[in-house]
Amino acid sequence: MDDFTKKRIIKIMDQYVQNAVSEHVKTQIKISYSIRGNNVTLIEERKAFQLDVWVQLPIAQFRLDKDQWKVYWRDSKEKWHFVDDIEPVDDFEKQLEIVDQGHNGLFWR
């Protein structure tokens, strides 16, 4: 991922995570992300039993491959799988919107 694309993704994701959770639950749930190489991972964080600890649950991963964003989901064994019914496209925001809407319950529980 080139620097321009990375800066653009950071801007999109910063705005997304800021607005992803309703104000009344922000003390219990957070949305964050990480970028590693050409991968952007969307993460849900929830308060653990101990109030000062947050548990991270990766929700989706976006992978840039030959200028196309592919979407992956993670199984219970922490293995990532390509979502073959979400067609790879060059528009990151389109892929983020599909994941945000849940895609038939695949991403948000």
C-alpha atoms as a PDB file:
ATOM      1  CA  MET A   1       0.000   0.000   0.000  1.00  0.00           C
ATOM      2  CA  ASP A   2       1.521   3.313  -1.013  1.00  0.00           C
ATOM      3  CA  ASP A   3       1.663   6.279   1.385  1.00  0.00           C
ATOM      4  CA  PHE A   4      -1.178   8.160  -0.333  1.00  0.00           C
ATOM      5  CA  THR A   5      -3.517   5.168  -0.091  1.00  0.00           C
ATOM      6  CA  LYS A   6      -2.544   4.540   3.529  1.00  0.00           C
ATOM      7  CA  LYS A   7      -3.244   8.152   4.520  1.00  0.00           C
ATOM      8  CA  ARG A   8      -6.604   7.967   2.738  1.00  0.00           C
ATOM      9  CA  ILE A   9      -7.519   4.721   4.511  1.00  0.00           C
ATOM     10  CA  ILE A  10      -6.508   6.168   7.888  1.00  0.00           C
ATOM     11  CA  LYS A  11      -8.744   9.190   7.286  1.00  0.00           C
ATOM     12  CA  ILE A  12     -11.697   6.977   6.265  1.00  0.00           C
ATOM     13  CA  MET A  13     -11.228   4.593   9.186  1.00  0.00           C
ATOM     14  CA  ASP A  14     -10.696   7.331  11.783  1.00  0.00           C
ATOM     15  CA  GLN A  15     -14.002   8.874  10.757  1.00  0.00           C
ATOM     16  CA  TYR A  16     -15.720   5.478  10.659  1.00  0.00           C
ATOM     17  CA  VAL A  17     -14.634   4.367  14.141  1.00  0.00           C
ATOM     18  CA  GLN A  18     -15.531   7.744  15.612  1.00  0.00           C
ATOM     19  CA  ASN A  19     -19.145   7.349  14.453  1.00  0.00           C
ATOM     20  CA  ALA A  20     -19.565   3.550  14.534  1.00  0.00           C
ATOM     21  CA  VAL A  21     -20.919   3.235  18.069  1.00  0.00           C
ATOM     22  CA  SER A  22     -23.818   5.130  19.637  1.00  0.00           C
ATOM     23  CA  GLU A  23     -22.875   7.495  22.454  1.00  0.00           C
ATOM     24  CA  HIS A  24     -24.886   5.611  25.073  1.00  0.00           C
ATOM     25  CA  VAL A  25     -22.818   2.399  24.652  1.00  0.00           C
ATOM     26  CA  LYS A  26     -19.339   3.869  24.114  1.00  0.00           C
ATOM     27  CA  THR A  27     -18.363   2.960  27.677  1.00  0.00           C
ATOM     28  CA  GLN A  28     -19.001  -0.723  26.828  1.00  0.00           C
ATOM     29  CA  ILE A  29     -18.167  -1.097  23.121  1.00  0.00           C
ATOM     30  CA  LYS A  30     -15.518   0.478  20.897  1.00  0.00           C
ATOM     31  CA  ILE A  31     -14.623  -0.017  17.253  1.00  0.00           C
ATOM     32  CA  SER A  32     -10.994   0.260  16.191  1.00  0.00           C
ATOM     33  CA  TYR A  33      -8.760  -0.852  13.361  1.00  0.00           C
ATOM     34  CA  SER A  34      -5.220  -1.793  12.552  1.00  0.00           C
ATOM     35  CA  ILE A  35      -3.184  -1.543   9.387  1.00  0.00           C
ATOM     36  CA  ARG A  36      -0.425  -4.016   8.635  1.00  0.00           C
ATOM     37  CA  GLY A  37       1.096  -4.050   5.189  1.00  0.00           C
ATOM     38  CA  ASN A  38      -1.785  -4.189   2.689  1.00  0.00           C
ATOM     39  CA  ASN A  39      -4.311  -5.377   5.283  1.00  0.00           C
ATOM     40  CA  VAL A  40      -6.806  -3.297   7.250  1.00  0.00           C
ATOM     41  CA  THR A  41      -8.459  -5.129  10.138  1.00  0.00           C
ATOM     42  CA  LEU A  42     -11.716  -3.874  11.663  1.00  0.00           C
ATOM     43  CA  ILE A  43     -11.892  -4.661  15.383  1.00  0.00           C
ATOM     44  CA  GLU A  44     -14.703  -4.629  17.932  1.00  0.00           C
ATOM     45  CA  GLU A  45     -13.639  -4.052  21.531  1.00  0.00           C
ATOM     46  CA  ARG A  46     -15.797  -4.901  24.531  1.00  0.00           C
ATOM     47  CA  LYS A  47     -15.327  -4.449  28.242  1.00  0.00           C
ATOM     48  CA  ALA A  48     -14.184  -7.651  29.907  1.00  0.00           C
ATOM     49  CA  PHE A  49     -15.385  -8.849  33.273  1.00  0.00           C
ATOM     50  CA  GLN A  50     -12.669  -6.717  34.819  1.00  0.00           C
ATOM     51  CA  LEU A  51     -13.725  -3.153  34.101  1.00  0.00           C
ATOM     52  CA  ASP A  52     -10.257  -1.888  33.157  1.00  0.00           C
ATOM     53  CA  VAL A  53      -9.649  -4.519  30.439  1.00  0.00           C
ATOM     54  CA  TRP A  54     -10.918  -4.444  26.864  1.00  0.00           C
ATOM     55  CA  VAL A  55     -11.216  -7.624  24.788  1.00  0.00           C
ATOM     56  CA  GLN A  56     -10.568  -7.305  21.046  1.00  0.00           C
ATOM     57  CA  LEU A  57     -12.543  -9.287  18.479  1.00  0.00           C
ATOM     58  CA  PRO A  58     -11.444  -8.862  14.855  1.00  0.00           C
ATOM     59  CA  ILE A  59     -14.576  -8.475  12.735  1.00  0.00           C
ATOM     60  CA  ALA A  60     -13.369  -8.205   9.141  1.00  0.00           C
ATOM     61  CA  GLN A  61     -10.199  -7.787   7.185  1.00  0.00           C
ATOM     62  CA  PHE A  62      -9.762  -5.823   3.980  1.00  0.00           C
ATOM     63  CA  ARG A  63      -6.819  -6.869   1.824  1.00  0.00           C
ATOM     64  CA  LEU A  64      -5.468  -4.810  -1.034  1.00  0.00           C
ATOM     65  CA  ASP A  65      -4.453  -7.203  -3.807  1.00  0.00           C
ATOM     66  CA  LYS A  66      -3.560  -5.902  -7.272  1.00  0.00           C
ATOM     67  CA  ASP A  67      -5.424  -2.611  -6.653  1.00  0.00           C
ATOM     68  CA  GLN A  68      -8.596  -4.474  -5.577  1.00  0.00           C
ATOM     69  CA  TRP A  69      -9.955  -4.619  -2.024  1.00  0.00           C
ATOM     70  CA  LYS A  70     -10.970  -8.118  -0.941  1.00  0.00           C
ATOM     71  CA  VAL A  71     -13.013  -8.814   2.194  1.00  0.00           C
ATOM     72  CA  TYR A  72     -12.262 -11.625   4.653  1.00  0.00           C
ATOM     73  CA  TRP A  73     -14.068 -12.973   7.728  1.00  0.00           C
ATOM     74  CA  ARG A  74     -12.504 -14.772  10.703  1.00  0.00           C
ATOM     75  CA  ASP A  75     -13.676 -18.119  12.039  1.00  0.00           C
ATOM     76  CA  SER A  76     -13.647 -19.370  15.639  1.00  0.00           C
ATOM     77  CA  LYS A  77     -10.163 -20.843  15.110  1.00  0.00           C
ATOM     78  CA  GLU A  78      -8.888 -17.349  14.207  1.00  0.00           C
ATOM     79  CA  LYS A  79      -8.363 -18.209  10.541  1.00  0.00           C
ATOM     80  CA  TRP A  80      -9.277 -15.652   7.868  1.00  0.00           C
ATOM     81  CA  HIS A  81     -11.466 -16.670   4.890  1.00  0.00           C
ATOM     82  CA  PHE A  82     -12.178 -14.778   1.679  1.00  0.00           C
ATOM     83  CA  VAL A  83     -15.846 -13.761   1.331  1.00  0.00           C
ATOM     84  CA  ASP A  84     -16.454 -14.977  -2.205  1.00  0.00           C
ATOM     85  CA  ASP A  85     -19.846 -13.323  -2.613  1.00  0.00           C
ATOM     86  CA  ILE A  86     -18.362  -9.843  -2.050  1.00  0.00           C
ATOM     87  CA  GLU A  87     -16.684  -9.032  -5.321  1.00  0.00           C
ATOM     88  CA  PRO A  88     -13.231  -7.414  -5.062  1.00  0.00           C
ATOM     89  CA  VAL A  89     -13.347  -3.752  -6.098  1.00  0.00           C
ATOM     90  CA  ASP A  90     -10.992  -0.783  -6.109  1.00  0.00           C
ATOM     91  CA  ASP A  91     -13.303   1.243  -3.813  1.00  0.00           C
ATOM     92  CA  PHE A  92     -12.367   0.665  -0.153  1.00  0.00           C
ATOM     93  CA  GLU A  93     -15.349   2.657   1.119  1.00  0.00           C
ATOM     94  CA  LYS A  94     -17.762   0.400  -0.781  1.00  0.00           C
ATOM     95  CA  GLN A  95     -16.286  -2.667   0.915  1.00  0.00           C
ATOM     96  CA  LEU A  96     -16.433  -0.972   4.333  1.00  0.00           C
ATOM     97  CA  GLU A  97     -20.100  -0.124   3.767  1.00  0.00           C
ATOM     98  CA  ILE A  98     -20.910  -3.759   2.921  1.00  0.00           C
ATOM     99  CA  VAL A  99     -19.222  -4.935   6.122  1.00  0.00           C
ATOM    100  CA  ASP A 100     -20.875  -2.179   8.177  1.00  0.00           C
ATOM    101  CA  GLN A 101     -24.294  -3.360   6.996  1.00  0.00           C
ATOM    102  CA  GLY A 102     -23.457  -6.861   8.220  1.00  0.00           C
ATOM    103  CA  HIS A 103     -23.593  -8.800   4.944  1.00  0.00           C
ATOM    104  CA  ASN A 104     -26.277 -11.309   5.986  1.00  0.00           C
ATOM    105  CA  GLY A 105     -25.096 -11.425   9.596  1.00  0.00           C
ATOM    106  CA  LEU A 106     -21.570 -12.544   8.732  1.00  0.00           C
ATOM    107  CA  PHE A 107     -19.744  -9.725  10.502  1.00  0.00           C
ATOM    108  CA  TRP A 108     -21.776  -8.287  13.372  1.00  0.00           C
ATOM    109  CA  ARG A 109     -23.382 -10.491  16.007  1.00  0.00           C
END
